C-alpha cells in the first residue's frame, strides 16, 4: 500500500471561479480519502498556498486573471515542490496542453471528466503517475512528433515495449508493471528507456501522447 493510499490525499484547488472552487471542495469533501486544505484564485496565490500548506496534489486551472496556471506550474517545478500538479481546465488546445505538460504538470484533465475519473486521476497524481485522458493526449501530437516517426524500422516498439507503454497509459506504476508482466522493476525501467528513445519522448506523458498519435494505443 502506498503512503498516499494509507491516508487522506491533501489538495489545494486553484480556479478563478468561486463556484467551481466550491463545487470541487464539496465533491472531494463528500468522498472518502481526500482533504482539501485550501484554495487559490490565481497562479500567484497558488504558489503561496502550496508553500504554506504543502498539499499532495494541486488541482490547477490554466487561464486565470492575476497569474496563469502554466507559469505557476513552471515555478513549482523550479522550486522542486513536492506537490503534484493535475491540470483541470476547459481548454484542450495545443497552446494550453503542451506548455502545461512541458512546465511539469503530472496530469491534464478537462472539467467535463466524470467524477470517478477525476478521483482516480488525483489518486494517480498523488502517487506520481502521469494522467492524460485520451482526448488530451491526442492534442499533444503536433509537438511530440519527431523525425523518428518516419525513421528506420528499428524505431518500432517491440511487443514487450508495447505492453509496457499500454500499462503506462493506464497510469500503472513501474512496480505494478513489473508484477503484471513478471519482470523486475529494473527491466521495466530499461524498457521505458527504449520506449522514450524510439518515440522521441522525454517522459511518460509524452510517450503516451506519441502512442496515441501513432495508433500504438488505439
N, C-alpha and C. Protein backbone atom coordinates (compact mmCIF):
# COMPACT_ATOMS: atom_id res chain seq x y z
N UNK A 1 0.85 -1.20 0.00
CA UNK A 1 0.00 0.00 0.00
C UNK A 1 0.88 1.24 0.00
N UNK A 2 0.61 2.19 -0.88
CA UNK A 2 1.41 3.40 -0.92
C UNK A 2 1.07 4.30 0.26
N UNK A 3 1.99 5.23 0.50
CA UNK A 3 1.78 6.15 1.62
C UNK A 3 0.50 6.94 1.46
N UNK A 4 0.24 7.43 0.21
CA UNK A 4 -0.96 8.24 -0.01
C UNK A 4 -2.23 7.41 0.11
N UNK A 5 -2.12 6.06 -0.14
CA UNK A 5 -3.30 5.22 -0.01
C UNK A 5 -3.64 4.99 1.45
N UNK A 6 -2.64 5.17 2.36
CA UNK A 6 -2.85 4.90 3.77
C UNK A 6 -3.42 6.11 4.51
N UNK A 7 -3.48 7.26 3.85
CA UNK A 7 -4.01 8.46 4.49
C UNK A 7 -4.75 9.28 3.46
N UNK A 8 -5.44 10.30 3.95
CA UNK A 8 -6.18 11.16 3.03
C UNK A 8 -5.22 11.93 2.14
N UNK A 9 -5.58 12.06 0.87
CA UNK A 9 -4.78 12.84 -0.07
C UNK A 9 -5.15 14.31 0.08
N UNK A 10 -4.16 15.14 0.36
CA UNK A 10 -4.42 16.55 0.58
C UNK A 10 -4.35 17.32 -0.74
N UNK A 11 -5.24 18.31 -0.87
CA UNK A 11 -5.34 19.06 -2.12
C UNK A 11 -5.42 20.56 -1.88
N UNK A 12 -4.98 21.31 -2.87
CA UNK A 12 -5.27 22.73 -2.99
C UNK A 12 -5.95 22.93 -4.33
N UNK A 13 -7.08 23.63 -4.34
CA UNK A 13 -7.86 23.85 -5.55
C UNK A 13 -7.59 25.27 -6.06
N UNK A 14 -7.16 25.37 -7.32
CA UNK A 14 -6.82 26.67 -7.90
C UNK A 14 -7.73 26.93 -9.10
N UNK A 15 -8.59 27.92 -8.98
CA UNK A 15 -9.50 28.29 -10.07
C UNK A 15 -10.01 29.70 -9.79
N UNK A 16 -10.18 30.48 -10.85
CA UNK A 16 -10.61 31.86 -10.63
C UNK A 16 -12.11 32.00 -10.43
N UNK A 17 -12.86 30.91 -10.59
CA UNK A 17 -14.31 30.97 -10.39
C UNK A 17 -14.68 30.39 -9.02
N UNK A 18 -15.23 31.20 -8.12
CA UNK A 18 -15.61 30.72 -6.79
C UNK A 18 -16.58 29.54 -6.83
N UNK A 19 -17.50 29.55 -7.79
CA UNK A 19 -18.47 28.46 -7.88
C UNK A 19 -17.77 27.14 -8.18
N UNK A 20 -16.78 27.20 -9.06
CA UNK A 20 -16.03 25.99 -9.39
C UNK A 20 -15.26 25.49 -8.17
N UNK A 21 -14.60 26.40 -7.47
CA UNK A 21 -13.85 26.00 -6.27
C UNK A 21 -14.78 25.39 -5.24
N UNK A 22 -15.94 26.02 -5.02
CA UNK A 22 -16.90 25.48 -4.05
C UNK A 22 -17.38 24.10 -4.47
N UNK A 23 -17.64 23.93 -5.77
CA UNK A 23 -18.11 22.65 -6.26
C UNK A 23 -17.08 21.55 -6.08
N UNK A 24 -15.82 21.85 -6.39
CA UNK A 24 -14.76 20.86 -6.23
C UNK A 24 -14.53 20.53 -4.76
N UNK A 25 -14.54 21.57 -3.91
CA UNK A 25 -14.36 21.32 -2.48
C UNK A 25 -15.47 20.41 -1.95
N UNK A 26 -16.70 20.70 -2.34
CA UNK A 26 -17.81 19.88 -1.89
C UNK A 26 -17.73 18.46 -2.41
N UNK A 27 -17.31 18.30 -3.66
CA UNK A 27 -17.19 16.98 -4.27
C UNK A 27 -16.16 16.13 -3.52
N UNK A 28 -15.01 16.72 -3.24
CA UNK A 28 -13.97 15.95 -2.56
C UNK A 28 -14.28 15.75 -1.08
N UNK A 29 -14.97 16.71 -0.48
CA UNK A 29 -15.34 16.56 0.92
C UNK A 29 -16.31 15.40 1.10
N UNK A 30 -17.13 15.15 0.09
CA UNK A 30 -18.13 14.08 0.18
C UNK A 30 -17.54 12.71 -0.13
N UNK A 31 -16.32 12.67 -0.63
CA UNK A 31 -15.68 11.40 -0.99
C UNK A 31 -14.63 11.05 0.05
N UNK A 32 -14.55 9.78 0.44
CA UNK A 32 -13.54 9.39 1.42
C UNK A 32 -12.14 9.43 0.82
N UNK A 33 -11.17 9.76 1.67
CA UNK A 33 -9.78 9.69 1.24
C UNK A 33 -9.20 10.97 0.69
N UNK A 34 -9.94 12.09 0.81
CA UNK A 34 -9.44 13.36 0.31
C UNK A 34 -9.59 14.44 1.37
N UNK A 35 -8.71 15.43 1.33
CA UNK A 35 -8.75 16.53 2.28
C UNK A 35 -8.34 17.81 1.56
N UNK A 36 -9.30 18.70 1.29
CA UNK A 36 -8.99 19.97 0.63
C UNK A 36 -8.47 20.94 1.68
N UNK A 37 -7.19 21.28 1.58
CA UNK A 37 -6.55 22.14 2.57
C UNK A 37 -6.79 23.62 2.33
N UNK A 38 -6.99 23.99 1.06
CA UNK A 38 -7.16 25.40 0.77
C UNK A 38 -7.48 25.64 -0.69
N UNK A 39 -7.63 26.93 -1.03
CA UNK A 39 -7.99 27.33 -2.39
C UNK A 39 -7.15 28.53 -2.80
N UNK A 40 -7.12 28.77 -4.09
CA UNK A 40 -6.48 29.96 -4.63
C UNK A 40 -7.20 30.34 -5.91
N UNK A 41 -7.18 31.63 -6.22
CA UNK A 41 -7.92 32.11 -7.39
C UNK A 41 -7.01 32.45 -8.56
N UNK A 42 -5.70 32.33 -8.39
CA UNK A 42 -4.77 32.58 -9.50
C UNK A 42 -3.44 31.90 -9.20
N UNK A 43 -2.54 31.94 -10.18
CA UNK A 43 -1.27 31.24 -10.03
C UNK A 43 -0.39 31.79 -8.94
N UNK A 44 -0.39 33.10 -8.75
CA UNK A 44 0.44 33.72 -7.72
C UNK A 44 0.00 33.26 -6.33
N UNK A 45 -1.31 33.32 -6.09
CA UNK A 45 -1.83 32.86 -4.80
C UNK A 45 -1.63 31.36 -4.63
N UNK A 46 -1.65 30.63 -5.75
CA UNK A 46 -1.43 29.18 -5.68
C UNK A 46 -0.04 28.87 -5.15
N UNK A 47 0.96 29.61 -5.60
CA UNK A 47 2.33 29.39 -5.13
C UNK A 47 2.42 29.59 -3.62
N UNK A 48 1.78 30.64 -3.15
CA UNK A 48 1.79 30.92 -1.70
C UNK A 48 1.07 29.82 -0.94
N UNK A 49 -0.07 29.36 -1.48
CA UNK A 49 -0.85 28.32 -0.81
C UNK A 49 -0.07 27.00 -0.75
N UNK A 50 0.60 26.66 -1.84
CA UNK A 50 1.37 25.42 -1.85
C UNK A 50 2.53 25.48 -0.87
N UNK A 51 3.19 26.62 -0.82
CA UNK A 51 4.30 26.78 0.13
C UNK A 51 3.82 26.68 1.57
N UNK A 52 2.64 27.22 1.82
CA UNK A 52 2.10 27.24 3.18
C UNK A 52 1.50 25.90 3.60
N UNK A 53 0.82 25.23 2.67
CA UNK A 53 0.03 24.05 3.02
C UNK A 53 0.67 22.73 2.61
N UNK A 54 1.60 22.76 1.64
CA UNK A 54 2.31 21.56 1.18
C UNK A 54 1.35 20.41 0.86
N UNK A 55 0.42 20.60 -0.08
CA UNK A 55 -0.53 19.54 -0.42
C UNK A 55 0.12 18.44 -1.25
N UNK A 56 -0.54 17.28 -1.29
CA UNK A 56 -0.07 16.20 -2.16
C UNK A 56 -0.32 16.55 -3.62
N UNK A 57 -1.49 17.14 -3.89
CA UNK A 57 -1.90 17.43 -5.27
C UNK A 57 -2.47 18.84 -5.35
N UNK A 58 -2.14 19.52 -6.45
CA UNK A 58 -2.72 20.82 -6.74
C UNK A 58 -3.61 20.66 -7.97
N UNK A 59 -4.89 20.96 -7.83
CA UNK A 59 -5.81 20.99 -8.98
C UNK A 59 -5.71 22.38 -9.58
N UNK A 60 -5.13 22.47 -10.78
CA UNK A 60 -4.76 23.78 -11.33
C UNK A 60 -5.53 24.11 -12.60
N UNK A 61 -6.25 25.22 -12.57
CA UNK A 61 -6.82 25.77 -13.80
C UNK A 61 -5.68 26.48 -14.54
N UNK A 62 -5.90 26.85 -15.80
CA UNK A 62 -4.82 27.45 -16.58
C UNK A 62 -4.99 28.94 -16.80
N UNK A 63 -6.11 29.35 -17.36
CA UNK A 63 -6.28 30.76 -17.70
C UNK A 63 -6.98 31.49 -16.56
N UNK A 64 -6.19 32.28 -15.82
CA UNK A 64 -6.74 32.99 -14.66
C UNK A 64 -6.16 34.39 -14.60
N UNK A 65 -7.01 35.39 -14.39
CA UNK A 65 -6.50 36.76 -14.20
C UNK A 65 -5.61 36.82 -12.96
N UNK A 66 -4.55 37.58 -13.06
CA UNK A 66 -3.68 37.74 -11.90
C UNK A 66 -2.60 36.69 -11.79
N UNK A 67 -2.50 35.82 -12.77
CA UNK A 67 -1.45 34.79 -12.73
C UNK A 67 -1.95 33.48 -13.27
N UNK A 68 -1.45 33.07 -14.43
CA UNK A 68 -1.93 31.85 -15.06
C UNK A 68 -1.34 30.59 -14.47
N UNK A 69 -1.94 29.47 -14.85
CA UNK A 69 -1.54 28.19 -14.29
C UNK A 69 -0.20 27.69 -14.79
N UNK A 70 0.10 27.91 -16.08
CA UNK A 70 1.36 27.38 -16.62
C UNK A 70 2.57 27.99 -15.92
N UNK A 71 2.53 29.30 -15.71
CA UNK A 71 3.64 29.96 -15.02
C UNK A 71 3.79 29.43 -13.59
N UNK A 72 2.66 29.18 -12.95
CA UNK A 72 2.70 28.64 -11.59
C UNK A 72 3.29 27.23 -11.57
N UNK A 73 2.89 26.41 -12.56
CA UNK A 73 3.43 25.05 -12.64
C UNK A 73 4.93 25.09 -12.85
N UNK A 74 5.38 25.96 -13.75
CA UNK A 74 6.82 26.07 -14.02
C UNK A 74 7.58 26.50 -12.78
N UNK A 75 7.00 27.42 -12.02
CA UNK A 75 7.68 27.89 -10.81
C UNK A 75 7.71 26.81 -9.74
N UNK A 76 6.64 26.05 -9.60
CA UNK A 76 6.64 24.95 -8.65
C UNK A 76 7.70 23.91 -9.02
N UNK A 77 7.82 23.65 -10.32
CA UNK A 77 8.85 22.73 -10.79
C UNK A 77 10.23 23.27 -10.47
N UNK A 78 10.44 24.53 -10.72
CA UNK A 78 11.75 25.16 -10.45
C UNK A 78 12.09 25.08 -8.98
N UNK A 79 11.09 25.25 -8.13
CA UNK A 79 11.32 25.20 -6.68
C UNK A 79 11.50 23.78 -6.16
N UNK A 80 11.20 22.80 -6.99
CA UNK A 80 11.28 21.42 -6.53
C UNK A 80 10.18 21.06 -5.55
N UNK A 81 9.00 21.64 -5.74
CA UNK A 81 7.88 21.39 -4.84
C UNK A 81 7.50 19.91 -4.84
N UNK A 82 7.14 19.41 -3.67
CA UNK A 82 6.70 18.02 -3.54
C UNK A 82 5.35 17.79 -4.20
N UNK A 83 4.51 18.80 -4.20
CA UNK A 83 3.14 18.67 -4.71
C UNK A 83 3.13 18.32 -6.20
N UNK A 84 2.22 17.43 -6.57
CA UNK A 84 1.99 17.10 -7.97
C UNK A 84 0.86 17.99 -8.49
N UNK A 85 1.01 18.44 -9.73
CA UNK A 85 0.00 19.33 -10.31
C UNK A 85 -0.84 18.57 -11.32
N UNK A 86 -2.13 18.57 -11.08
CA UNK A 86 -3.09 17.98 -12.02
C UNK A 86 -3.90 19.13 -12.61
N UNK A 87 -3.70 19.38 -13.89
CA UNK A 87 -4.43 20.46 -14.56
C UNK A 87 -5.89 20.03 -14.74
N UNK A 88 -6.79 20.91 -14.39
CA UNK A 88 -8.22 20.68 -14.57
C UNK A 88 -8.80 21.95 -15.19
N UNK A 89 -9.11 21.87 -16.48
CA UNK A 89 -9.47 23.08 -17.21
C UNK A 89 -10.48 22.75 -18.30
N UNK A 90 -11.03 23.79 -18.90
CA UNK A 90 -11.95 23.59 -20.03
C UNK A 90 -11.21 23.64 -21.35
N UNK A 91 -9.93 23.98 -21.33
CA UNK A 91 -9.19 24.21 -22.57
C UNK A 91 -8.34 23.01 -22.95
N UNK A 92 -8.50 22.56 -24.20
CA UNK A 92 -7.73 21.40 -24.65
C UNK A 92 -6.98 21.69 -25.95
N UNK A 93 -6.71 22.97 -26.23
CA UNK A 93 -5.96 23.32 -27.43
C UNK A 93 -4.48 23.07 -27.21
N UNK A 94 -3.73 22.94 -28.32
CA UNK A 94 -2.29 22.72 -28.22
C UNK A 94 -1.61 23.81 -27.41
N UNK A 95 -2.09 25.05 -27.57
CA UNK A 95 -1.45 26.17 -26.89
C UNK A 95 -1.64 26.11 -25.38
N UNK A 96 -2.58 25.29 -24.92
CA UNK A 96 -2.79 25.12 -23.48
C UNK A 96 -2.13 23.84 -22.97
N UNK A 97 -2.40 22.72 -23.63
CA UNK A 97 -1.92 21.43 -23.13
C UNK A 97 -0.41 21.31 -23.17
N UNK A 98 0.20 21.70 -24.28
CA UNK A 98 1.64 21.49 -24.44
C UNK A 98 2.46 22.26 -23.41
N UNK A 99 2.23 23.57 -23.23
CA UNK A 99 3.02 24.29 -22.23
C UNK A 99 2.83 23.76 -20.81
N UNK A 100 1.61 23.33 -20.49
CA UNK A 100 1.35 22.83 -19.14
C UNK A 100 2.13 21.55 -18.87
N UNK A 101 2.12 20.62 -19.84
CA UNK A 101 2.86 19.37 -19.67
C UNK A 101 4.35 19.65 -19.63
N UNK A 102 4.83 20.51 -20.51
CA UNK A 102 6.25 20.84 -20.55
C UNK A 102 6.70 21.55 -19.28
N UNK A 103 5.80 22.32 -18.67
CA UNK A 103 6.15 23.03 -17.44
C UNK A 103 6.30 22.10 -16.25
N UNK A 104 5.71 20.90 -16.34
CA UNK A 104 5.87 19.94 -15.26
C UNK A 104 4.60 19.38 -14.68
N UNK A 105 3.45 19.61 -15.33
CA UNK A 105 2.20 19.05 -14.82
C UNK A 105 2.25 17.53 -14.87
N UNK A 106 1.77 16.89 -13.82
CA UNK A 106 1.73 15.43 -13.77
C UNK A 106 0.59 14.89 -14.61
N UNK A 107 -0.49 15.64 -14.73
CA UNK A 107 -1.64 15.18 -15.49
C UNK A 107 -2.45 16.33 -16.03
N UNK A 108 -3.38 16.00 -16.92
CA UNK A 108 -4.19 17.03 -17.58
C UNK A 108 -5.56 16.43 -17.85
N UNK A 109 -6.57 16.99 -17.22
CA UNK A 109 -7.95 16.56 -17.42
C UNK A 109 -8.82 17.76 -17.79
N UNK A 110 -9.93 17.47 -18.45
CA UNK A 110 -10.90 18.52 -18.75
C UNK A 110 -11.99 18.52 -17.68
N UNK A 111 -12.63 19.66 -17.52
CA UNK A 111 -13.62 19.81 -16.45
C UNK A 111 -14.88 18.99 -16.68
N UNK A 112 -15.05 18.46 -17.88
CA UNK A 112 -16.21 17.61 -18.09
C UNK A 112 -15.91 16.14 -17.79
N UNK A 113 -14.75 15.87 -17.21
CA UNK A 113 -14.40 14.49 -16.84
C UNK A 113 -15.37 13.99 -15.77
N UNK A 114 -15.78 12.73 -15.84
CA UNK A 114 -16.66 12.16 -14.81
C UNK A 114 -16.01 12.23 -13.43
N UNK A 115 -16.85 12.29 -12.42
CA UNK A 115 -16.37 12.41 -11.05
C UNK A 115 -15.37 11.32 -10.68
N UNK A 116 -15.69 10.08 -11.00
CA UNK A 116 -14.80 8.97 -10.62
C UNK A 116 -13.48 9.05 -11.38
N UNK A 117 -13.53 9.54 -12.61
CA UNK A 117 -12.28 9.71 -13.36
C UNK A 117 -11.39 10.76 -12.70
N UNK A 118 -12.01 11.82 -12.21
CA UNK A 118 -11.26 12.86 -11.51
C UNK A 118 -10.65 12.32 -10.23
N UNK A 119 -11.43 11.57 -9.45
CA UNK A 119 -10.91 10.99 -8.22
C UNK A 119 -9.73 10.07 -8.51
N UNK A 120 -9.89 9.23 -9.53
CA UNK A 120 -8.82 8.29 -9.89
C UNK A 120 -7.58 9.05 -10.35
N UNK A 121 -7.77 10.15 -11.07
CA UNK A 121 -6.64 10.94 -11.55
C UNK A 121 -5.89 11.58 -10.39
N UNK A 122 -6.62 12.06 -9.39
CA UNK A 122 -5.98 12.66 -8.23
C UNK A 122 -5.17 11.61 -7.47
N UNK A 123 -5.74 10.42 -7.32
CA UNK A 123 -5.00 9.34 -6.63
C UNK A 123 -3.73 8.99 -7.40
N UNK A 124 -3.85 8.90 -8.72
CA UNK A 124 -2.70 8.57 -9.54
C UNK A 124 -1.63 9.66 -9.45
N UNK A 125 -2.07 10.91 -9.52
CA UNK A 125 -1.13 12.02 -9.43
C UNK A 125 -0.41 12.02 -8.09
N UNK A 126 -1.15 11.75 -7.02
CA UNK A 126 -0.55 11.72 -5.69
C UNK A 126 0.54 10.66 -5.60
N UNK A 127 0.39 9.58 -6.36
CA UNK A 127 1.39 8.52 -6.39
C UNK A 127 2.48 8.78 -7.42
N UNK A 128 2.42 9.94 -8.09
CA UNK A 128 3.44 10.28 -9.05
C UNK A 128 3.24 9.69 -10.42
N UNK A 129 2.03 9.20 -10.70
CA UNK A 129 1.75 8.60 -12.01
C UNK A 129 1.13 9.64 -12.93
N UNK A 130 1.62 9.69 -14.15
CA UNK A 130 1.10 10.63 -15.12
C UNK A 130 -0.32 10.27 -15.52
N UNK A 131 -1.15 11.28 -15.71
CA UNK A 131 -2.55 11.07 -16.08
C UNK A 131 -2.90 11.96 -17.25
N UNK A 132 -3.24 11.35 -18.38
CA UNK A 132 -3.70 12.10 -19.55
C UNK A 132 -4.92 11.38 -20.12
N UNK A 133 -6.02 12.10 -20.25
CA UNK A 133 -7.16 11.49 -20.92
C UNK A 133 -6.82 11.32 -22.40
N UNK A 134 -7.39 10.32 -23.07
CA UNK A 134 -7.09 10.13 -24.50
C UNK A 134 -7.33 11.37 -25.34
N UNK A 135 -8.38 12.11 -25.03
CA UNK A 135 -8.68 13.31 -25.81
C UNK A 135 -7.57 14.34 -25.68
N UNK A 136 -7.06 14.50 -24.46
CA UNK A 136 -5.99 15.47 -24.24
C UNK A 136 -4.69 14.95 -24.85
N UNK A 137 -4.41 13.67 -24.71
CA UNK A 137 -3.18 13.10 -25.27
C UNK A 137 -3.10 13.34 -26.77
N UNK A 138 -4.22 13.21 -27.45
CA UNK A 138 -4.22 13.39 -28.90
C UNK A 138 -3.88 14.82 -29.30
N UNK A 139 -4.14 15.77 -28.39
CA UNK A 139 -3.84 17.15 -28.70
C UNK A 139 -2.34 17.44 -28.68
N UNK A 140 -1.57 16.54 -28.07
CA UNK A 140 -0.14 16.77 -27.94
C UNK A 140 0.65 16.35 -29.18
N UNK A 141 0.01 15.71 -30.14
CA UNK A 141 0.76 15.01 -31.17
C UNK A 141 1.60 15.95 -32.04
N UNK A 142 1.17 17.16 -32.29
CA UNK A 142 1.95 18.01 -33.19
C UNK A 142 3.30 18.39 -32.59
N UNK A 143 3.37 18.52 -31.27
CA UNK A 143 4.63 18.90 -30.63
C UNK A 143 5.55 17.72 -30.43
N UNK A 144 4.98 16.56 -30.09
CA UNK A 144 5.84 15.42 -29.75
C UNK A 144 6.27 14.64 -30.97
N UNK A 145 5.70 14.93 -32.15
CA UNK A 145 6.17 14.26 -33.35
C UNK A 145 7.63 14.62 -33.59
N UNK A 146 8.42 13.62 -33.97
CA UNK A 146 9.83 13.83 -34.26
C UNK A 146 10.16 13.14 -35.57
N UNK A 147 11.33 13.43 -36.15
CA UNK A 147 11.72 12.72 -37.36
C UNK A 147 11.71 11.22 -37.20
N UNK A 148 11.86 10.74 -35.97
CA UNK A 148 11.87 9.30 -35.73
C UNK A 148 10.56 8.65 -36.14
N UNK A 149 9.47 9.45 -36.21
CA UNK A 149 8.18 8.90 -36.57
C UNK A 149 8.21 8.30 -37.98
N UNK A 150 9.05 8.86 -38.84
CA UNK A 150 9.15 8.34 -40.19
C UNK A 150 10.53 7.72 -40.42
N UNK A 151 11.18 7.35 -39.32
CA UNK A 151 12.55 6.86 -39.37
C UNK A 151 12.64 5.40 -39.70
N UNK A 152 13.82 4.79 -39.50
CA UNK A 152 14.05 3.41 -39.85
C UNK A 152 13.27 2.46 -38.99
N UNK A 153 13.25 1.19 -39.41
CA UNK A 153 12.41 0.19 -38.75
C UNK A 153 12.81 -0.03 -37.31
N UNK A 154 14.08 0.26 -36.94
CA UNK A 154 14.50 -0.03 -35.56
C UNK A 154 13.89 0.93 -34.55
N UNK A 155 13.08 1.91 -35.03
CA UNK A 155 12.36 2.78 -34.09
C UNK A 155 11.03 2.15 -33.68
N UNK A 156 10.65 1.03 -34.29
CA UNK A 156 9.39 0.36 -33.94
C UNK A 156 9.52 -0.29 -32.57
N UNK A 157 8.45 -0.25 -31.79
CA UNK A 157 8.47 -0.86 -30.47
C UNK A 157 8.37 -2.38 -30.58
N UNK A 158 9.06 -3.05 -29.67
CA UNK A 158 8.92 -4.50 -29.57
C UNK A 158 7.58 -4.82 -28.91
N UNK A 159 7.20 -6.08 -28.94
CA UNK A 159 5.94 -6.49 -28.33
C UNK A 159 5.94 -6.16 -26.84
N UNK A 160 7.05 -6.43 -26.17
CA UNK A 160 7.14 -6.15 -24.73
C UNK A 160 7.08 -4.65 -24.47
N UNK A 161 7.76 -3.86 -25.30
CA UNK A 161 7.73 -2.41 -25.11
C UNK A 161 6.33 -1.86 -25.31
N UNK A 162 5.60 -2.44 -26.23
CA UNK A 162 4.20 -2.03 -26.42
C UNK A 162 3.38 -2.35 -25.18
N UNK A 163 3.59 -3.52 -24.61
CA UNK A 163 2.87 -3.90 -23.39
C UNK A 163 3.14 -2.90 -22.28
N UNK A 164 4.41 -2.53 -22.13
CA UNK A 164 4.78 -1.58 -21.09
C UNK A 164 4.11 -0.23 -21.34
N UNK A 165 4.11 0.22 -22.60
CA UNK A 165 3.50 1.52 -22.92
C UNK A 165 2.00 1.51 -22.65
N UNK A 166 1.33 0.42 -22.98
CA UNK A 166 -0.11 0.31 -22.71
C UNK A 166 -0.38 0.44 -21.22
N UNK A 167 0.44 -0.20 -20.40
CA UNK A 167 0.26 -0.13 -18.95
C UNK A 167 0.57 1.26 -18.42
N UNK A 168 1.58 1.91 -19.00
CA UNK A 168 1.89 3.29 -18.61
C UNK A 168 0.69 4.19 -18.90
N UNK A 169 0.05 3.98 -20.06
CA UNK A 169 -1.10 4.80 -20.44
C UNK A 169 -2.26 4.63 -19.46
N UNK A 170 -2.32 3.50 -18.78
CA UNK A 170 -3.36 3.26 -17.78
C UNK A 170 -3.02 3.85 -16.42
N UNK A 171 -1.84 4.48 -16.32
CA UNK A 171 -1.42 5.06 -15.05
C UNK A 171 -0.78 4.07 -14.11
N UNK A 172 -0.29 2.95 -14.64
CA UNK A 172 0.30 1.90 -13.81
C UNK A 172 1.72 2.27 -13.40
N UNK A 173 2.08 2.00 -12.17
CA UNK A 173 3.43 2.30 -11.69
C UNK A 173 4.41 1.25 -12.20
N UNK A 174 5.71 1.58 -12.10
CA UNK A 174 6.74 0.62 -12.52
C UNK A 174 6.63 -0.68 -11.73
N UNK A 175 6.36 -0.57 -10.44
CA UNK A 175 6.24 -1.76 -9.61
C UNK A 175 5.06 -2.62 -10.05
N UNK A 176 3.94 -1.97 -10.35
CA UNK A 176 2.76 -2.71 -10.80
C UNK A 176 2.98 -3.34 -12.17
N UNK A 177 3.69 -2.61 -13.05
CA UNK A 177 4.01 -3.17 -14.36
C UNK A 177 4.88 -4.42 -14.19
N UNK A 178 5.88 -4.32 -13.33
CA UNK A 178 6.77 -5.46 -13.10
C UNK A 178 5.99 -6.68 -12.61
N UNK A 179 5.05 -6.45 -11.70
CA UNK A 179 4.26 -7.56 -11.16
C UNK A 179 3.36 -8.17 -12.23
N UNK A 180 2.76 -7.31 -13.05
CA UNK A 180 1.83 -7.81 -14.06
C UNK A 180 2.54 -8.59 -15.17
N UNK A 181 3.76 -8.13 -15.52
CA UNK A 181 4.49 -8.77 -16.62
C UNK A 181 5.51 -9.79 -16.12
N UNK A 182 5.60 -9.95 -14.80
CA UNK A 182 6.52 -10.91 -14.20
C UNK A 182 7.98 -10.62 -14.58
N UNK A 183 8.34 -9.34 -14.47
CA UNK A 183 9.71 -8.93 -14.72
C UNK A 183 10.13 -8.02 -13.57
N UNK A 184 11.41 -7.67 -13.51
CA UNK A 184 11.89 -6.81 -12.43
C UNK A 184 11.61 -5.34 -12.75
N UNK A 185 11.63 -4.50 -11.70
CA UNK A 185 11.45 -3.07 -11.93
C UNK A 185 12.58 -2.51 -12.78
N UNK A 186 13.78 -3.05 -12.60
CA UNK A 186 14.92 -2.59 -13.40
C UNK A 186 14.68 -2.86 -14.88
N UNK A 187 14.07 -4.02 -15.17
CA UNK A 187 13.77 -4.35 -16.57
C UNK A 187 12.69 -3.42 -17.11
N UNK A 188 11.71 -3.08 -16.27
CA UNK A 188 10.68 -2.12 -16.69
C UNK A 188 11.33 -0.79 -17.06
N UNK A 189 12.25 -0.32 -16.22
CA UNK A 189 12.92 0.96 -16.49
C UNK A 189 13.72 0.89 -17.79
N UNK A 190 14.33 -0.26 -18.05
CA UNK A 190 15.08 -0.42 -19.30
C UNK A 190 14.15 -0.34 -20.50
N UNK A 191 13.01 -1.03 -20.40
CA UNK A 191 12.02 -0.97 -21.49
C UNK A 191 11.54 0.47 -21.71
N UNK A 192 11.30 1.18 -20.61
CA UNK A 192 10.83 2.56 -20.73
C UNK A 192 11.89 3.44 -21.39
N UNK A 193 13.15 3.22 -21.04
CA UNK A 193 14.23 3.98 -21.68
C UNK A 193 14.22 3.76 -23.19
N UNK A 194 14.01 2.51 -23.61
CA UNK A 194 13.95 2.21 -25.03
C UNK A 194 12.72 2.84 -25.68
N UNK A 195 11.58 2.78 -24.97
CA UNK A 195 10.35 3.38 -25.49
C UNK A 195 10.54 4.89 -25.70
N UNK A 196 11.09 5.57 -24.69
CA UNK A 196 11.30 7.01 -24.80
C UNK A 196 12.20 7.33 -25.99
N UNK A 197 13.28 6.55 -26.15
CA UNK A 197 14.23 6.81 -27.23
C UNK A 197 13.58 6.59 -28.59
N UNK A 198 12.83 5.51 -28.72
CA UNK A 198 12.23 5.19 -30.01
C UNK A 198 11.11 6.15 -30.39
N UNK A 199 10.40 6.65 -29.39
CA UNK A 199 9.28 7.55 -29.67
C UNK A 199 9.70 9.02 -29.66
N UNK A 200 10.95 9.28 -29.28
CA UNK A 200 11.39 10.66 -29.20
C UNK A 200 10.70 11.42 -28.10
N UNK A 201 10.40 10.72 -26.99
CA UNK A 201 9.66 11.31 -25.87
C UNK A 201 10.58 11.49 -24.67
N UNK A 202 10.36 12.56 -23.93
CA UNK A 202 11.22 12.83 -22.78
C UNK A 202 10.67 12.28 -21.48
N UNK A 203 9.39 11.92 -21.46
CA UNK A 203 8.81 11.41 -20.23
C UNK A 203 7.60 10.53 -20.55
N UNK A 204 6.94 10.03 -19.50
CA UNK A 204 5.84 9.09 -19.66
C UNK A 204 4.65 9.74 -20.38
N UNK A 205 4.34 10.99 -20.00
CA UNK A 205 3.19 11.66 -20.61
C UNK A 205 3.40 11.84 -22.10
N UNK A 206 4.61 12.27 -22.49
CA UNK A 206 4.89 12.47 -23.91
C UNK A 206 4.86 11.15 -24.66
N UNK A 207 5.36 10.08 -24.02
CA UNK A 207 5.35 8.76 -24.67
C UNK A 207 3.93 8.29 -24.93
N UNK A 208 3.04 8.52 -23.97
CA UNK A 208 1.63 8.14 -24.14
C UNK A 208 1.02 8.95 -25.28
N UNK A 209 1.34 10.25 -25.34
CA UNK A 209 0.80 11.10 -26.41
C UNK A 209 1.24 10.59 -27.78
N UNK A 210 2.53 10.24 -27.92
CA UNK A 210 3.03 9.73 -29.19
C UNK A 210 2.36 8.39 -29.50
N UNK A 211 2.14 7.59 -28.44
CA UNK A 211 1.49 6.29 -28.63
C UNK A 211 0.11 6.43 -29.22
N UNK A 212 -0.66 7.41 -28.75
CA UNK A 212 -1.98 7.66 -29.33
C UNK A 212 -1.85 8.19 -30.75
N UNK A 213 -0.88 9.07 -30.96
CA UNK A 213 -0.70 9.68 -32.27
C UNK A 213 -0.40 8.63 -33.33
N UNK A 214 0.44 7.67 -33.00
CA UNK A 214 0.86 6.67 -33.97
C UNK A 214 -0.09 5.46 -34.03
N UNK A 215 -1.10 5.47 -33.20
CA UNK A 215 -2.04 4.36 -33.21
C UNK A 215 -1.59 3.16 -32.39
N UNK A 216 -0.48 3.29 -31.67
CA UNK A 216 0.00 2.18 -30.84
C UNK A 216 -0.98 1.90 -29.72
N UNK A 217 -1.59 2.96 -29.22
CA UNK A 217 -2.53 2.84 -28.10
C UNK A 217 -3.99 2.92 -28.56
N UNK A 218 -4.20 2.82 -29.86
CA UNK A 218 -5.58 2.87 -30.36
C UNK A 218 -5.97 4.25 -30.81
